[in-house]
Amino acid sequence: MELKKIACTVALLGVGSAFIVPATIAAPATGQSAYYVGGSVGQSKFKDIEPGVATNIDDKDTGYKIYGGYQIDPVWGIEATYFDLGKATANGTILNGSTVVPANLSAKASAWGLAGVFTAPITYGFSVFGKLGLVRSELKTSVSAIGVVGNNQKESSTGANFGFGAKYDFTSNLAIRAEWERLKKMGDDATTGETDIDFVSTGITFKF
């Protein structure tokens, strides 16, 4: 029985003219900064652990991300992100010769991503946003059991990343935001297994 694994990807998105910001494009608006960096902490959920082959499943963990971006205008921007999505664990059984023995299963994921961001202002200082891009992820899985040499696997893959959220600008340089994201197709069915990961987070953004 096997735990579906989750890959952490390094997303190299949009290499091409569609993501090139011309030097003639100005900052979003007077008094607002075009460049920003930030960090968020939240909860990840591994979507494809099979309950039929594992017990004591813990498919949620604390994760974080670090991001930076450029606001092309008040509506459109681009954003690069590093994700550490934590790990999922479970207990199961494996065959050791002719004997079935208990085993510990785990999967750990991380990723790099690049996405386009669409922002819609609602009221003064408050806005909602959506994002769509790609992630390059890496999924590491491990199976361990008494009397069995550990079975470790690692796969890198490329998949979609999309989500939505809301943010509030306290000042022209400081904002908070909350968001939900999904990272798609992490891992490989033939080795680690393939899964999606949901990530809900809150964080602080500093504009400069």
Protein backbone atom coordinates (compact mmCIF):
# COMPACT_ATOMS: atom_id res chain seq x y z
CA MET A 1 0.00 0.00 0.00
CA GLU A 2 1.42 3.33 -0.84
CA LEU A 3 1.09 6.94 0.13
CA LYS A 4 0.50 9.28 -2.81
CA LYS A 5 3.49 11.55 -2.86
CA ILE A 6 3.75 15.19 -3.17
CA ALA A 7 6.38 17.00 -5.05
CA CYS A 8 8.00 20.32 -4.39
CA THR A 9 8.63 22.13 -7.62
CA VAL A 10 10.83 24.90 -8.84
CA ALA A 11 8.53 26.87 -11.09
CA LEU A 12 10.15 28.58 -14.02
CA LEU A 13 7.18 30.33 -15.53
CA GLY A 14 6.72 32.58 -18.47
CA VAL A 15 10.10 32.87 -20.03
CA GLY A 16 9.11 34.98 -22.95
CA SER A 17 7.81 38.30 -24.07
CA ALA A 18 4.45 37.81 -22.38
CA PHE A 19 6.16 38.32 -19.03
CA ILE A 20 8.72 40.94 -20.03
CA VAL A 21 7.98 44.31 -18.47
CA PRO A 22 8.97 47.14 -20.81
CA ALA A 23 11.13 49.84 -19.34
CA THR A 24 8.57 52.43 -20.36
CA ILE A 25 5.89 51.04 -18.01
CA ALA A 26 5.55 53.30 -15.00
CA ALA A 27 4.74 52.44 -11.37
CA PRO A 28 1.07 51.65 -10.64
CA ALA A 29 0.06 55.04 -9.35
CA THR A 30 1.43 58.11 -7.60
CA GLY A 31 2.48 57.22 -4.06
CA GLN A 32 2.42 53.46 -4.68
CA SER A 33 5.44 51.21 -5.08
CA ALA A 34 5.87 48.85 -8.02
CA TYR A 35 8.16 46.25 -6.40
CA TYR A 36 7.29 44.20 -3.34
CA VAL A 37 8.45 41.27 -1.20
CA GLY A 38 6.65 39.32 1.48
CA GLY A 39 6.14 36.14 3.41
CA SER A 40 3.15 34.02 4.44
CA VAL A 41 2.52 31.14 6.84
CA GLY A 42 -0.39 28.73 6.63
CA GLN A 43 -1.65 25.16 6.28
CA SER A 44 -1.02 22.76 3.43
CA LYS A 45 -3.22 19.77 2.59
CA PHE A 46 -2.04 16.83 0.50
CA LYS A 47 -5.01 15.81 -1.65
CA ASP A 48 -4.27 12.27 -2.85
CA ILE A 49 -3.34 10.04 0.05
CA GLU A 50 -5.32 6.84 -0.40
CA PRO A 51 -7.25 6.02 2.82
CA GLY A 52 -7.77 2.45 1.64
CA VAL A 53 -4.05 1.60 1.88
CA ALA A 54 -2.97 3.67 4.88
CA THR A 55 -4.06 4.40 8.45
CA ASN A 56 -3.43 7.24 10.90
CA ILE A 57 -3.19 9.61 7.95
CA ASP A 58 -1.99 13.14 8.67
CA ASP A 59 -2.35 14.97 5.34
CA LYS A 60 -2.04 18.51 6.74
CA ASP A 61 1.02 20.43 7.87
CA THR A 62 2.29 23.94 8.49
CA GLY A 63 3.87 25.52 5.43
CA TYR A 64 5.30 28.86 4.40
CA LYS A 65 6.17 30.82 1.32
CA ILE A 66 8.44 33.75 0.42
CA TYR A 67 7.51 35.86 -2.58
CA GLY A 68 8.45 38.93 -4.57
CA GLY A 69 6.73 40.71 -7.42
CA TYR A 70 6.30 43.67 -9.72
CA GLN A 71 3.01 45.57 -10.02
CA ILE A 72 2.91 46.60 -13.67
CA ASP A 73 -0.18 48.77 -13.12
CA PRO A 74 -2.99 48.84 -10.50
CA VAL A 75 -4.55 45.72 -12.05
CA TRP A 76 -1.79 43.50 -13.46
CA GLY A 77 1.38 42.16 -11.89
CA ILE A 78 3.80 39.23 -11.86
CA GLU A 79 4.99 37.31 -8.80
CA ALA A 80 7.71 34.73 -8.06
CA THR A 81 7.35 32.43 -5.03
CA TYR A 82 9.22 29.78 -3.08
CA PHE A 83 6.94 27.28 -1.25
CA ASP A 84 7.82 24.95 1.61
CA LEU A 85 4.66 22.86 1.98
CA GLY A 86 5.65 20.60 4.88
CA LYS A 87 4.91 16.90 4.79
CA ALA A 88 2.18 14.28 5.04
CA THR A 89 2.56 11.06 7.04
CA ALA A 90 0.69 7.79 7.42
CA ASN A 91 1.04 4.20 8.63
CA GLY A 92 0.57 1.22 6.34
CA THR A 93 1.95 -2.23 5.58
CA ILE A 94 4.51 -3.59 3.13
CA LEU A 95 5.64 -7.07 2.12
CA ASN A 96 9.04 -8.15 3.53
CA GLY A 97 9.70 -11.47 1.83
CA SER A 98 6.58 -13.51 2.63
CA THR A 99 5.74 -11.45 5.73
CA VAL A 100 3.54 -8.38 5.92
CA VAL A 101 5.13 -5.82 8.23
CA PRO A 102 3.94 -2.38 9.42
CA ALA A 103 5.54 0.63 7.73
CA ASN A 104 5.78 4.39 8.16
CA LEU A 105 5.10 6.49 5.07
CA SER A 106 5.89 10.16 4.48
CA ALA A 107 5.88 12.70 1.64
CA LYS A 108 7.50 16.14 1.68
CA ALA A 109 6.95 18.88 -0.92
CA SER A 110 8.46 22.19 -1.99
CA ALA A 111 8.24 24.34 -5.12
CA TRP A 112 9.28 27.45 -7.02
CA GLY A 113 6.63 29.31 -9.00
CA LEU A 114 5.95 32.29 -11.26
CA ALA A 115 2.45 33.63 -11.81
CA GLY A 116 0.48 36.49 -13.27
CA VAL A 117 -1.66 38.35 -10.71
CA PHE A 118 -4.94 40.18 -11.44
CA THR A 119 -6.00 42.69 -8.74
CA ALA A 120 -9.44 44.30 -8.40
CA PRO A 121 -9.71 47.25 -5.96
CA ILE A 122 -12.88 47.18 -3.83
CA THR A 123 -12.66 50.12 -1.44
CA TYR A 124 -9.85 52.39 -0.27
CA GLY A 125 -6.96 50.13 0.76
CA PHE A 126 -8.88 46.87 0.24
CA SER A 127 -8.69 44.67 -2.87
CA VAL A 128 -9.16 41.09 -4.05
CA PHE A 129 -6.88 39.23 -6.45
CA GLY A 130 -6.50 36.07 -8.49
CA LYS A 131 -3.35 34.38 -9.75
CA LEU A 132 -2.44 31.87 -12.44
CA GLY A 133 0.96 30.46 -13.22
CA LEU A 134 3.32 27.47 -13.15
CA VAL A 135 5.35 25.76 -10.45
CA ARG A 136 8.41 23.56 -10.64
CA SER A 137 8.08 21.19 -7.69
CA GLU A 138 9.98 18.47 -5.91
CA LEU A 139 8.34 15.61 -4.03
CA LYS A 140 10.34 13.40 -1.66
CA THR A 141 8.80 10.23 -0.27
CA SER A 142 10.01 7.69 2.25
CA VAL A 143 8.88 4.23 3.37
CA SER A 144 10.47 2.67 6.45
CA ALA A 145 9.80 -0.60 8.29
CA ILE A 146 11.58 -2.86 10.77
CA GLY A 147 13.99 -5.16 8.94
CA VAL A 148 13.55 -3.32 5.65
CA VAL A 149 16.04 -0.94 4.05
CA GLY A 150 14.42 2.48 3.66
CA ASN A 151 12.83 3.16 0.29
CA ASN A 152 13.30 6.83 -0.64
CA GLN A 153 12.06 8.41 -3.86
CA LYS A 154 12.33 11.91 -5.32
CA GLU A 155 10.62 13.41 -8.36
CA SER A 156 10.56 16.87 -9.94
CA SER A 157 7.64 17.99 -12.08
CA THR A 158 5.97 21.05 -13.59
CA GLY A 159 2.32 21.90 -13.00
CA ALA A 160 -0.18 24.73 -12.75
CA ASN A 161 -0.59 27.04 -9.75
CA PHE A 162 -3.75 29.09 -9.27
CA GLY A 163 -5.58 30.79 -6.42
CA PHE A 164 -7.38 33.83 -5.09
CA GLY A 165 -7.24 36.08 -2.05
CA ALA A 166 -7.72 39.50 -0.49
CA LYS A 167 -5.34 42.16 0.79
CA TYR A 168 -5.46 45.37 2.76
CA ASP A 169 -2.93 48.21 2.36
CA PHE A 170 -2.25 49.90 5.69
CA THR A 171 0.17 52.33 4.06
CA SER A 172 1.74 52.76 0.63
CA ASN A 173 4.52 50.38 1.78
CA LEU A 174 2.81 47.82 4.02
CA ALA A 175 -0.06 45.38 3.39
CA ILE A 176 -1.49 42.15 4.78
CA ARG A 177 -3.06 39.43 2.66
CA ALA A 178 -4.86 36.11 2.95
CA GLU A 179 -5.18 33.58 0.13
CA TRP A 180 -5.97 30.06 -1.04
CA GLU A 181 -3.83 28.34 -3.67
CA ARG A 182 -3.65 24.97 -5.40
CA LEU A 183 -0.44 23.47 -6.75
CA LYS A 184 -1.15 20.82 -9.40
CA LYS A 185 0.48 17.55 -10.47
CA MET A 186 3.27 17.18 -7.96
CA GLY A 187 5.27 13.96 -8.23
CA ASP A 188 5.03 11.10 -10.73
CA ASP A 189 2.50 8.26 -10.82
CA ALA A 190 5.17 5.71 -11.73
CA THR A 191 7.38 6.40 -8.70
CA THR A 192 6.27 8.72 -5.92
CA GLY A 193 2.64 8.98 -6.99
CA GLU A 194 1.05 12.22 -8.18
CA THR A 195 -0.96 14.65 -6.09
CA ASP A 196 -2.28 18.20 -5.79
CA ILE A 197 -1.67 20.37 -2.72
CA ASP A 198 -3.93 23.09 -1.34
CA PHE A 199 -2.29 25.91 0.64
CA VAL A 200 -4.19 28.47 2.76
CA SER A 201 -2.03 31.27 4.17
CA THR A 202 -1.82 34.78 5.61
CA GLY A 203 1.14 37.10 5.36
CA ILE A 204 2.69 40.54 5.22
CA THR A 205 3.85 42.37 2.08
CA PHE A 206 6.42 45.18 2.06
CA LYS A 207 6.50 47.49 -0.99
CA PHE A 208 9.55 49.54 -1.91
